[in-house]
Amino acid sequence: MTLVQGSDLPVGETRPMGRHKMTYCPAYPAAFGDNPPIYSLGVDSAEKVASLERAYRLFNECRIDQLLAMMIDDVRWPDVGNGVVLDSKPAIRQYWDAQFTVSDPLVVPKGFLEIGEDMIAMVDRRVFDWSGNLMTDPVVVFHRYSFRGVLMSRMSVHRSSEDAEAT
């Protein structure tokens, strides 16, 4: 296992993240950097981390086509709200189109953990309405990704790092 974390953003400094501005919070010491330092990663892991960082930026900018291009055709992706797993790019597109119609989610990776060939992202998740008002309490979740080559093949969402590691 290799932990990837860090931020060069000083306490109180604001940095744009997609359509949002995020301020470094001392409660999350590894939060919100666009380019967190990567420690002791091989080339393959570093490529996965860079790909996931790009994926989170694309999601936060609602750039669905570019994000779907980073996935295999029969990708498995959770629809957490409905408790199902989606198994195709068209299904994911429909899910995200509906999600972006009613909300403006923001997901910011704070660190990455390598588990075998998979990566776990520790993510600060916030959901806004389109007027910029927070709709739910901010929460830290853990996204576990599997890959086929450099493309994402599976993602799952977990409430704890232990659950994400055990999957």
Foldseek 3Di string as FASTA:
>chain_A
DFKFFAAPADAQDWDDQQPRIDGDDVVQGRWDHLDGDGPPDDPLVVLLVVLVSVLLSCVLNVVLVVNLVQADAQAWEDPVVVGGTGGGSVVVVVSSVVVVVFKRKHKTFGMWDDAPQKIKTFIWIFIGGPVGHTPDDIATKIWIFHDDRRGTRYIDIGRDVVVNNVD
